[in-house]
Amino acid sequence: MRAVYPQAAVETETIVEVPPLLPDPGSPAEALARRLTGANTTTTVSLPAKPGLSAGRHSGDCLARARSMSPTTRQFITRAELADGQTFLDRLLRWARSGG
């Protein structure tokens, strides 16, 4: 840029920092997700960071069976996985409406 306009400058400003999502084995959230999905185990999957967000990790596979999804090899969700995600959200809503 300076080759064209020597006075050019770029400034960056951190507006917000988001800590990474880390696994929390045995946490109430994990227990609930396992109960609602019927899963006996959890996995951790590296996901690409969104612009402006710190790179993080996602524990579990609640919505789209993320354990089988590699960001570098698979950039889609099947209809069955989408249906699994909807089932999970429906169960979560019923759980929340019942007062947990």
PDB file of N, CA and C in Angstrom:
ATOM      1  N   MET A   1       0.827  -1.179   0.000  1.00  0.00           N
ATOM      2  CA  MET A   1       0.000   0.000   0.000  1.00  0.00           C
ATOM      3  C   MET A   1       0.881   1.256   0.000  1.00  0.00           C
ATOM      4  N   ARG A   2       1.974   1.214   0.757  1.00  0.00           N
ATOM      5  CA  ARG A   2       2.843   2.394   0.822  1.00  0.00           C
ATOM      6  C   ARG A   2       3.601   2.638  -0.477  1.00  0.00           C
ATOM      7  N   ALA A   3       3.719   1.597  -1.327  1.00  0.00           N
ATOM      8  CA  ALA A   3       4.368   1.798  -2.615  1.00  0.00           C
ATOM      9  C   ALA A   3       3.558   2.763  -3.471  1.00  0.00           C
ATOM     10  N   VAL A   4       2.244   2.749  -3.287  1.00  0.00           N
ATOM     11  CA  VAL A   4       1.362   3.627  -4.041  1.00  0.00           C
ATOM     12  C   VAL A   4       1.140   4.936  -3.293  1.00  0.00           C
ATOM     13  N   TYR A   5       0.981   4.839  -1.972  1.00  0.00           N
ATOM     14  CA  TYR A   5       0.692   6.026  -1.161  1.00  0.00           C
ATOM     15  C   TYR A   5       1.530   5.946   0.117  1.00  0.00           C
ATOM     16  N   PRO A   6       2.698   6.592   0.127  1.00  0.00           N
ATOM     17  CA  PRO A   6       3.645   6.467   1.243  1.00  0.00           C
ATOM     18  C   PRO A   6       3.075   6.856   2.617  1.00  0.00           C
ATOM     19  N   GLN A   7       2.068   7.694   2.661  1.00  0.00           N
ATOM     20  CA  GLN A   7       1.498   8.120   3.932  1.00  0.00           C
ATOM     21  C   GLN A   7       0.468   7.120   4.487  1.00  0.00           C
ATOM     22  N   ALA A   8       0.197   6.079   3.732  1.00  0.00           N
ATOM     23  CA  ALA A   8      -0.819   5.109   4.166  1.00  0.00           C
ATOM     24  C   ALA A   8      -0.411   4.449   5.485  1.00  0.00           C
ATOM     25  N   ALA A   9      -1.423   4.124   6.267  1.00  0.00           N
ATOM     26  CA  ALA A   9      -1.185   3.431   7.537  1.00  0.00           C
ATOM     27  C   ALA A   9      -2.382   2.540   7.844  1.00  0.00           C
ATOM     28  N   VAL A  10      -2.121   1.517   8.604  1.00  0.00           N
ATOM     29  CA  VAL A  10      -3.179   0.615   9.042  1.00  0.00           C
ATOM     30  C   VAL A  10      -3.104   0.529  10.550  1.00  0.00           C
ATOM     31  N   GLU A  11      -4.221   0.736  11.176  1.00  0.00           N
ATOM     32  CA  GLU A  11      -4.295   0.608  12.627  1.00  0.00           C
ATOM     33  C   GLU A  11      -5.331  -0.452  12.956  1.00  0.00           C
ATOM     34  N   THR A  12      -5.022  -1.281  13.930  1.00  0.00           N
ATOM     35  CA  THR A  12      -5.991  -2.264  14.383  1.00  0.00           C
ATOM     36  C   THR A  12      -6.352  -1.975  15.828  1.00  0.00           C
ATOM     37  N   GLU A  13      -7.574  -2.262  16.154  1.00  0.00           N
ATOM     38  CA  GLU A  13      -8.071  -2.036  17.507  1.00  0.00           C
ATOM     39  C   GLU A  13      -8.895  -3.249  17.925  1.00  0.00           C
ATOM     40  N   THR A  14      -8.570  -3.802  19.074  1.00  0.00           N
ATOM     41  CA  THR A  14      -9.354  -4.906  19.603  1.00  0.00           C
ATOM     42  C   THR A  14     -10.563  -4.319  20.312  1.00  0.00           C
ATOM     43  N   ILE A  15     -11.734  -4.639  19.814  1.00  0.00           N
ATOM     44  CA  ILE A  15     -12.966  -4.119  20.389  1.00  0.00           C
ATOM     45  C   ILE A  15     -13.475  -5.051  21.476  1.00  0.00           C
ATOM     46  N   VAL A  16     -13.372  -6.356  21.205  1.00  0.00           N
ATOM     47  CA  VAL A  16     -13.834  -7.341  22.183  1.00  0.00           C
ATOM     48  C   VAL A  16     -12.992  -8.600  22.027  1.00  0.00           C
ATOM     49  N   GLU A  17     -12.736  -9.251  23.127  1.00  0.00           N
ATOM     50  CA  GLU A  17     -12.043 -10.537  23.084  1.00  0.00           C
ATOM     51  C   GLU A  17     -12.981 -11.597  23.638  1.00  0.00           C
ATOM     52  N   VAL A  18     -13.071 -12.689  22.924  1.00  0.00           N
ATOM     53  CA  VAL A  18     -13.937 -13.782  23.338  1.00  0.00           C
ATOM     54  C   VAL A  18     -13.039 -14.960  23.702  1.00  0.00           C
ATOM     55  N   PRO A  19     -13.143 -15.442  24.932  1.00  0.00           N
ATOM     56  CA  PRO A  19     -12.294 -16.569  25.303  1.00  0.00           C
ATOM     57  C   PRO A  19     -12.708 -17.830  24.545  1.00  0.00           C
ATOM     58  N   PRO A  20     -11.785 -18.752  24.362  1.00  0.00           N
ATOM     59  CA  PRO A  20     -12.134 -19.983  23.652  1.00  0.00           C
ATOM     60  C   PRO A  20     -13.113 -20.817  24.455  1.00  0.00           C
ATOM     61  N   LEU A  21     -13.924 -21.574  23.737  1.00  0.00           N
ATOM     62  CA  LEU A  21     -14.821 -22.520  24.379  1.00  0.00           C
ATOM     63  C   LEU A  21     -14.007 -23.767  24.683  1.00  0.00           C
ATOM     64  N   LEU A  22     -13.909 -24.108  25.940  1.00  0.00           N
ATOM     65  CA  LEU A  22     -13.109 -25.260  26.343  1.00  0.00           C
ATOM     66  C   LEU A  22     -14.000 -26.337  26.933  1.00  0.00           C
ATOM     67  N   PRO A  23     -13.599 -27.584  26.768  1.00  0.00           N
ATOM     68  CA  PRO A  23     -14.382 -28.667  27.372  1.00  0.00           C
ATOM     69  C   PRO A  23     -14.418 -28.510  28.886  1.00  0.00           C
ATOM     70  N   ASP A  24     -15.525 -28.869  29.472  1.00  0.00           N
ATOM     71  CA  ASP A  24     -15.681 -28.821  30.922  1.00  0.00           C
ATOM     72  C   ASP A  24     -16.301 -30.145  31.357  1.00  0.00           C
ATOM     73  N   PRO A  25     -15.480 -31.202  31.377  1.00  0.00           N
ATOM     74  CA  PRO A  25     -16.011 -32.533  31.689  1.00  0.00           C
ATOM     75  C   PRO A  25     -16.773 -32.556  33.013  1.00  0.00           C
ATOM     76  N   GLY A  26     -17.928 -33.181  32.972  1.00  0.00           N
ATOM     77  CA  GLY A  26     -18.738 -33.305  34.179  1.00  0.00           C
ATOM     78  C   GLY A  26     -19.559 -32.080  34.517  1.00  0.00           C
ATOM     79  N   SER A  27     -19.519 -31.070  33.652  1.00  0.00           N
ATOM     80  CA  SER A  27     -20.265 -29.840  33.926  1.00  0.00           C
ATOM     81  C   SER A  27     -21.768 -30.087  33.778  1.00  0.00           C
ATOM     82  N   PRO A  28     -22.599 -29.248  34.394  1.00  0.00           N
ATOM     83  CA  PRO A  28     -24.046 -29.383  34.225  1.00  0.00           C
ATOM     84  C   PRO A  28     -24.477 -29.276  32.759  1.00  0.00           C
ATOM     85  N   ALA A  29     -23.807 -28.419  31.990  1.00  0.00           N
ATOM     86  CA  ALA A  29     -24.163 -28.276  30.572  1.00  0.00           C
ATOM     87  C   ALA A  29     -23.864 -29.562  29.808  1.00  0.00           C
ATOM     88  N   GLU A  30     -22.722 -30.167  30.088  1.00  0.00           N
ATOM     89  CA  GLU A  30     -22.390 -31.423  29.421  1.00  0.00           C
ATOM     90  C   GLU A  30     -23.377 -32.518  29.821  1.00  0.00           C
ATOM     91  N   ALA A  31     -23.689 -32.589  31.094  1.00  0.00           N
ATOM     92  CA  ALA A  31     -24.629 -33.609  31.571  1.00  0.00           C
ATOM     93  C   ALA A  31     -25.991 -33.449  30.900  1.00  0.00           C
ATOM     94  N   LEU A  32     -26.449 -32.211  30.778  1.00  0.00           N
ATOM     95  CA  LEU A  32     -27.739 -31.960  30.127  1.00  0.00           C
ATOM     96  C   LEU A  32     -27.682 -32.354  28.657  1.00  0.00           C
ATOM     97  N   ALA A  33     -26.628 -31.950  27.961  1.00  0.00           N
ATOM     98  CA  ALA A  33     -26.507 -32.283  26.539  1.00  0.00           C
ATOM     99  C   ALA A  33     -26.462 -33.794  26.344  1.00  0.00           C
ATOM    100  N   ARG A  34     -25.746 -34.496  27.197  1.00  0.00           N
ATOM    101  CA  ARG A  34     -25.691 -35.954  27.081  1.00  0.00           C
ATOM    102  C   ARG A  34     -27.054 -36.569  27.362  1.00  0.00           C
ATOM    103  N   ARG A  35     -27.766 -36.027  28.337  1.00  0.00           N
ATOM    104  CA  ARG A  35     -29.104 -36.537  28.652  1.00  0.00           C
ATOM    105  C   ARG A  35     -30.064 -36.330  27.479  1.00  0.00           C
ATOM    106  N   LEU A  36     -30.020 -35.153  26.882  1.00  0.00           N
ATOM    107  CA  LEU A  36     -30.945 -34.837  25.795  1.00  0.00           C
ATOM    108  C   LEU A  36     -30.614 -35.578  24.503  1.00  0.00           C
ATOM    109  N   THR A  37     -29.339 -35.889  24.297  1.00  0.00           N
ATOM    110  CA  THR A  37     -28.944 -36.574  23.062  1.00  0.00           C
ATOM    111  C   THR A  37     -28.838 -38.079  23.231  1.00  0.00           C
ATOM    112  N   GLY A  38     -28.739 -38.519  24.471  1.00  0.00           N
ATOM    113  CA  GLY A  38     -28.532 -39.944  24.712  1.00  0.00           C
ATOM    114  C   GLY A  38     -27.091 -40.367  24.498  1.00  0.00           C
ATOM    115  N   ALA A  39     -26.198 -39.403  24.349  1.00  0.00           N
ATOM    116  CA  ALA A  39     -24.783 -39.711  24.120  1.00  0.00           C
ATOM    117  C   ALA A  39     -24.126 -40.204  25.407  1.00  0.00           C
ATOM    118  N   ASN A  40     -23.259 -41.184  25.262  1.00  0.00           N
ATOM    119  CA  ASN A  40     -22.513 -41.702  26.405  1.00  0.00           C
ATOM    120  C   ASN A  40     -21.144 -41.064  26.531  1.00  0.00           C
ATOM    121  N   THR A  41     -20.675 -40.458  25.455  1.00  0.00           N
ATOM    122  CA  THR A  41     -19.354 -39.832  25.456  1.00  0.00           C
ATOM    123  C   THR A  41     -19.438 -38.470  24.786  1.00  0.00           C
ATOM    124  N   THR A  42     -18.401 -37.692  24.968  1.00  0.00           N
ATOM    125  CA  THR A  42     -18.288 -36.415  24.270  1.00  0.00           C
ATOM    126  C   THR A  42     -16.949 -36.383  23.543  1.00  0.00           C
ATOM    127  N   THR A  43     -16.853 -35.503  22.584  1.00  0.00           N
ATOM    128  CA  THR A  43     -15.606 -35.303  21.855  1.00  0.00           C
ATOM    129  C   THR A  43     -15.350 -33.817  21.744  1.00  0.00           C
ATOM    130  N   THR A  44     -14.148 -33.473  21.421  1.00  0.00           N
ATOM    131  CA  THR A  44     -13.784 -32.077  21.223  1.00  0.00           C
ATOM    132  C   THR A  44     -13.321 -31.918  19.785  1.00  0.00           C
ATOM    133  N   VAL A  45     -13.843 -30.901  19.109  1.00  0.00           N
ATOM    134  CA  VAL A  45     -13.544 -30.667  17.705  1.00  0.00           C
ATOM    135  C   VAL A  45     -13.023 -29.261  17.538  1.00  0.00           C
ATOM    136  N   SER A  46     -11.926 -29.103  16.827  1.00  0.00           N
ATOM    137  CA  SER A  46     -11.417 -27.770  16.522  1.00  0.00           C
ATOM    138  C   SER A  46     -12.261 -27.171  15.412  1.00  0.00           C
ATOM    139  N   LEU A  47     -12.702 -25.954  15.614  1.00  0.00           N
ATOM    140  CA  LEU A  47     -13.500 -25.264  14.610  1.00  0.00           C
ATOM    141  C   LEU A  47     -12.766 -24.004  14.188  1.00  0.00           C
ATOM    142  N   PRO A  48     -12.917 -23.578  12.945  1.00  0.00           N
ATOM    143  CA  PRO A  48     -12.256 -22.354  12.510  1.00  0.00           C
ATOM    144  C   PRO A  48     -12.844 -21.156  13.232  1.00  0.00           C
ATOM    145  N   ALA A  49     -12.001 -20.188  13.507  1.00  0.00           N
ATOM    146  CA  ALA A  49     -12.448 -18.970  14.184  1.00  0.00           C
ATOM    147  C   ALA A  49     -13.185 -18.071  13.202  1.00  0.00           C
ATOM    148  N   LYS A  50     -14.176 -17.387  13.692  1.00  0.00           N
ATOM    149  CA  LYS A  50     -14.870 -16.386  12.896  1.00  0.00           C
ATOM    150  C   LYS A  50     -14.082 -15.082  12.999  1.00  0.00           C
ATOM    151  N   PRO A  51     -14.158 -14.234  12.001  1.00  0.00           N
ATOM    152  CA  PRO A  51     -13.450 -12.964  12.082  1.00  0.00           C
ATOM    153  C   PRO A  51     -13.827 -12.210  13.353  1.00  0.00           C
ATOM    154  N   GLY A  52     -12.817 -11.767  14.064  1.00  0.00           N
ATOM    155  CA  GLY A  52     -13.061 -10.998  15.273  1.00  0.00           C
ATOM    156  C   GLY A  52     -13.225 -11.843  16.516  1.00  0.00           C
ATOM    157  N   LEU A  53     -13.247 -13.155  16.380  1.00  0.00           N
ATOM    158  CA  LEU A  53     -13.391 -14.031  17.536  1.00  0.00           C
ATOM    159  C   LEU A  53     -12.130 -14.853  17.710  1.00  0.00           C
ATOM    160  N   SER A  54     -11.810 -15.157  18.939  1.00  0.00           N
ATOM    161  CA  SER A  54     -10.669 -16.017  19.201  1.00  0.00           C
ATOM    162  C   SER A  54     -10.974 -17.425  18.723  1.00  0.00           C
ATOM    163  N   ALA A  55      -9.957 -18.129  18.290  1.00  0.00           N
ATOM    164  CA  ALA A  55     -10.143 -19.534  17.928  1.00  0.00           C
ATOM    165  C   ALA A  55     -10.540 -20.292  19.176  1.00  0.00           C
ATOM    166  N   GLY A  56     -11.444 -21.206  19.028  1.00  0.00           N
ATOM    167  CA  GLY A  56     -11.906 -21.929  20.201  1.00  0.00           C
ATOM    168  C   GLY A  56     -12.118 -23.385  19.919  1.00  0.00           C
ATOM    169  N   ARG A  57     -12.628 -24.076  20.903  1.00  0.00           N
ATOM    170  CA  ARG A  57     -12.946 -25.480  20.768  1.00  0.00           C
ATOM    171  C   ARG A  57     -14.377 -25.665  21.224  1.00  0.00           C
ATOM    172  N   HIS A  58     -15.009 -26.654  20.672  1.00  0.00           N
ATOM    173  CA  HIS A  58     -16.413 -26.926  20.988  1.00  0.00           C
ATOM    174  C   HIS A  58     -16.490 -28.312  21.595  1.00  0.00           C
ATOM    175  N   SER A  59     -17.048 -28.409  22.782  1.00  0.00           N
ATOM    176  CA  SER A  59     -17.158 -29.704  23.437  1.00  0.00           C
ATOM    177  C   SER A  59     -18.518 -30.304  23.142  1.00  0.00           C
ATOM    178  N   GLY A  60     -18.522 -31.553  22.786  1.00  0.00           N
ATOM    179  CA  GLY A  60     -19.783 -32.227  22.526  1.00  0.00           C
ATOM    180  C   GLY A  60     -20.148 -32.199  21.056  1.00  0.00           C
ATOM    181  N   ASP A  61     -21.253 -32.800  20.757  1.00  0.00           N
ATOM    182  CA  ASP A  61     -21.698 -32.870  19.375  1.00  0.00           C
ATOM    183  C   ASP A  61     -23.201 -32.708  19.310  1.00  0.00           C
ATOM    184  N   CYS A  62     -23.712 -31.755  20.058  1.00  0.00           N
ATOM    185  CA  CYS A  62     -25.144 -31.623  20.249  1.00  0.00           C
ATOM    186  C   CYS A  62     -25.916 -31.364  18.970  1.00  0.00           C
ATOM    187  N   LEU A  63     -25.491 -30.428  18.176  1.00  0.00           N
ATOM    188  CA  LEU A  63     -26.358 -30.010  17.079  1.00  0.00           C
ATOM    189  C   LEU A  63     -26.161 -30.767  15.784  1.00  0.00           C
ATOM    190  N   ALA A  64     -24.957 -30.903  15.337  1.00  0.00           N
ATOM    191  CA  ALA A  64     -24.786 -31.489  14.002  1.00  0.00           C
ATOM    192  C   ALA A  64     -23.809 -32.651  13.999  1.00  0.00           C
ATOM    193  N   ARG A  65     -23.703 -33.331  15.116  1.00  0.00           N
ATOM    194  CA  ARG A  65     -22.765 -34.443  15.218  1.00  0.00           C
ATOM    195  C   ARG A  65     -21.392 -33.987  14.744  1.00  0.00           C
ATOM    196  N   ALA A  66     -20.929 -32.893  15.369  1.00  0.00           N
ATOM    197  CA  ALA A  66     -19.693 -32.245  14.945  1.00  0.00           C
ATOM    198  C   ALA A  66     -18.495 -33.168  14.998  1.00  0.00           C
ATOM    199  N   ARG A  67     -18.593 -34.241  15.775  1.00  0.00           N
ATOM    200  CA  ARG A  67     -17.439 -35.129  15.881  1.00  0.00           C
ATOM    201  C   ARG A  67     -17.047 -35.725  14.546  1.00  0.00           C
ATOM    202  N   SER A  68     -17.976 -35.837  13.621  1.00  0.00           N
ATOM    203  CA  SER A  68     -17.647 -36.424  12.328  1.00  0.00           C
ATOM    204  C   SER A  68     -17.304 -35.351  11.303  1.00  0.00           C
ATOM    205  N   MET A  69     -17.290 -34.112  11.720  1.00  0.00           N
ATOM    206  CA  MET A  69     -17.069 -33.011  10.799  1.00  0.00           C
ATOM    207  C   MET A  69     -15.672 -32.450  10.963  1.00  0.00           C
ATOM    208  N   SER A  70     -14.880 -32.482   9.952  1.00  0.00           N
ATOM    209  CA  SER A  70     -13.577 -31.841   9.969  1.00  0.00           C
ATOM    210  C   SER A  70     -13.671 -30.580   9.136  1.00  0.00           C
ATOM    211  N   PRO A  71     -13.320 -29.418   9.715  1.00  0.00           N
ATOM    212  CA  PRO A  71     -13.445 -28.165   8.965  1.00  0.00           C
ATOM    213  C   PRO A  71     -12.674 -28.161   7.655  1.00  0.00           C
ATOM    214  N   THR A  72     -11.610 -28.967   7.565  1.00  0.00           N
ATOM    215  CA  THR A  72     -10.819 -28.949   6.344  1.00  0.00           C
ATOM    216  C   THR A  72     -11.335 -29.916   5.291  1.00  0.00           C
ATOM    217  N   THR A  73     -12.130 -30.903   5.713  1.00  0.00           N
ATOM    218  CA  THR A  73     -12.575 -31.896   4.740  1.00  0.00           C
ATOM    219  C   THR A  73     -14.079 -31.890   4.509  1.00  0.00           C
ATOM    220  N   ARG A  74     -14.827 -31.331   5.425  1.00  0.00           N
ATOM    221  CA  ARG A  74     -16.286 -31.413   5.308  1.00  0.00           C
ATOM    222  C   ARG A  74     -16.908 -30.085   5.692  1.00  0.00           C
ATOM    223  N   GLN A  75     -17.461 -29.406   4.730  1.00  0.00           N
ATOM    224  CA  GLN A  75     -18.019 -28.080   4.956  1.00  0.00           C
ATOM    225  C   GLN A  75     -19.536 -28.095   4.805  1.00  0.00           C
ATOM    226  N   PHE A  76     -20.204 -29.140   5.255  1.00  0.00           N
ATOM    227  CA  PHE A  76     -21.642 -29.215   5.104  1.00  0.00           C
ATOM    228  C   PHE A  76     -22.247 -30.032   6.238  1.00  0.00           C
ATOM    229  N   ILE A  77     -23.542 -29.935   6.374  1.00  0.00           N
ATOM    230  CA  ILE A  77     -24.308 -30.713   7.341  1.00  0.00           C
ATOM    231  C   ILE A  77     -25.360 -31.475   6.542  1.00  0.00           C
ATOM    232  N   THR A  78     -25.463 -32.761   6.787  1.00  0.00           N
ATOM    233  CA  THR A  78     -26.448 -33.558   6.059  1.00  0.00           C
ATOM    234  C   THR A  78     -27.848 -33.260   6.588  1.00  0.00           C
ATOM    235  N   ARG A  79     -28.847 -33.654   5.832  1.00  0.00           N
ATOM    236  CA  ARG A  79     -30.233 -33.468   6.282  1.00  0.00           C
ATOM    237  C   ARG A  79     -30.496 -34.248   7.562  1.00  0.00           C
ATOM    238  N   ALA A  80     -29.919 -35.437   7.677  1.00  0.00           N
ATOM    239  CA  ALA A  80     -30.094 -36.238   8.895  1.00  0.00           C
ATOM    240  C   ALA A  80     -29.473 -35.528  10.100  1.00  0.00           C
ATOM    241  N   GLU A  81     -28.310 -34.929   9.914  1.00  0.00           N
ATOM    242  CA  GLU A  81     -27.666 -34.195  11.000  1.00  0.00           C
ATOM    243  C   GLU A  81     -28.481 -32.954  11.369  1.00  0.00           C
ATOM    244  N   LEU A  82     -29.030 -32.299  10.364  1.00  0.00           N
ATOM    245  CA  LEU A  82     -29.891 -31.154  10.619  1.00  0.00           C
ATOM    246  C   LEU A  82     -31.118 -31.576  11.422  1.00  0.00           C
ATOM    247  N   ALA A  83     -31.697 -32.719  11.071  1.00  0.00           N
ATOM    248  CA  ALA A  83     -32.840 -33.250  11.810  1.00  0.00           C
ATOM    249  C   ALA A  83     -32.438 -33.594  13.246  1.00  0.00           C
ATOM    250  N   ASP A  84     -31.236 -34.160  13.429  1.00  0.00           N
ATOM    251  CA  ASP A  84     -30.743 -34.445  14.785  1.00  0.00           C
ATOM    252  C   ASP A  84     -30.624 -33.155  15.591  1.00  0.00           C
ATOM    253  N   GLY A  85     -30.137 -32.110  14.951  1.00  0.00           N
ATOM    254  CA  GLY A  85     -30.022 -30.817  15.629  1.00  0.00           C
ATOM    255  C   GLY A  85     -31.377 -30.274  16.031  1.00  0.00           C
ATOM    256  N   GLN A  86     -32.356 -30.401  15.143  1.00  0.00           N
ATOM    257  CA  GLN A  86     -33.707 -29.940  15.448  1.00  0.00           C
ATOM    258  C   GLN A  86     -34.303 -30.750  16.597  1.00  0.00           C
ATOM    259  N   THR A  87     -34.065 -32.048  16.597  1.00  0.00           N
ATOM    260  CA  THR A  87     -34.542 -32.898  17.687  1.00  0.00           C
ATOM    261  C   THR A  87     -33.932 -32.457  19.010  1.00  0.00           C
ATOM    262  N   PHE A  88     -32.637 -32.174  19.001  1.00  0.00           N
ATOM    263  CA  PHE A  88     -31.968 -31.705  20.214  1.00  0.00           C
ATOM    264  C   PHE A  88     -32.591 -30.392  20.700  1.00  0.00           C
ATOM    265  N   LEU A  89     -32.805 -29.458  19.784  1.00  0.00           N
ATOM    266  CA  LEU A  89     -33.390 -28.166  20.179  1.00  0.00           C
ATOM    267  C   LEU A  89     -34.808 -28.336  20.708  1.00  0.00           C
ATOM    268  N   ASP A  90     -35.575 -29.224  20.100  1.00  0.00           N
ATOM    269  CA  ASP A  90     -36.934 -29.502  20.594  1.00  0.00           C
ATOM    270  C   ASP A  90     -36.880 -30.055  22.020  1.00  0.00           C
ATOM    271  N   ARG A  91     -35.962 -30.996  22.254  1.00  0.00           N
ATOM    272  CA  ARG A  91     -35.818 -31.565  23.597  1.00  0.00           C
ATOM    273  C   ARG A  91     -35.361 -30.517  24.602  1.00  0.00           C
ATOM    274  N   LEU A  92     -34.448 -29.664  24.179  1.00  0.00           N
ATOM    275  CA  LEU A  92     -33.948 -28.599  25.046  1.00  0.00           C
ATOM    276  C   LEU A  92     -35.088 -27.631  25.407  1.00  0.00           C
ATOM    277  N   LEU A  93     -35.907 -27.289  24.432  1.00  0.00           N
ATOM    278  CA  LEU A  93     -37.045 -26.406  24.684  1.00  0.00           C
ATOM    279  C   LEU A  93     -38.023 -27.045  25.656  1.00  0.00           C
ATOM    280  N   ARG A  94     -38.349 -28.320  25.456  1.00  0.00           N
ATOM    281  CA  ARG A  94     -39.240 -29.014  26.404  1.00  0.00           C
ATOM    282  C   ARG A  94     -38.641 -29.030  27.811  1.00  0.00           C
ATOM    283  N   TRP A  95     -37.338 -29.277  27.881  1.00  0.00           N
ATOM    284  CA  TRP A  95     -36.655 -29.298  29.188  1.00  0.00           C
ATOM    285  C   TRP A  95     -36.761 -27.918  29.857  1.00  0.00           C
ATOM    286  N   ALA A  96     -36.486 -26.851  29.081  1.00  0.00           N
ATOM    287  CA  ALA A  96     -36.536 -25.505  29.637  1.00  0.00           C
ATOM    288  C   ALA A  96     -37.953 -25.124  30.067  1.00  0.00           C
ATOM    289  N   ARG A  97     -38.940 -25.479  29.275  1.00  0.00           N
ATOM    290  CA  ARG A  97     -40.328 -25.152  29.615  1.00  0.00           C
ATOM    291  C   ARG A  97     -40.813 -25.915  30.854  1.00  0.00           C
ATOM    292  N   SER A  98     -40.227 -27.089  31.093  1.00  0.00           N
ATOM    293  CA  SER A  98     -40.634 -27.876  32.260  1.00  0.00           C
ATOM    294  C   SER A  98     -39.954 -27.392  33.538  1.00  0.00           C
ATOM    295  N   GLY A  99     -39.090 -26.419  33.415  1.00  0.00           N
ATOM    296  CA  GLY A  99     -38.391 -25.880  34.579  1.00  0.00           C
ATOM    297  C   GLY A  99     -37.117 -26.641  34.907  1.00  0.00           C
ATOM    298  N   GLY A 100     -36.676 -27.479  33.978  1.00  0.00           N
ATOM    299  CA  GLY A 100     -35.415 -28.194  34.163  1.00  0.00           C
ATOM    300  C   GLY A 100     -35.529 -29.262  35.167  1.00  0.00           C
TER     301      GLY A 100
END
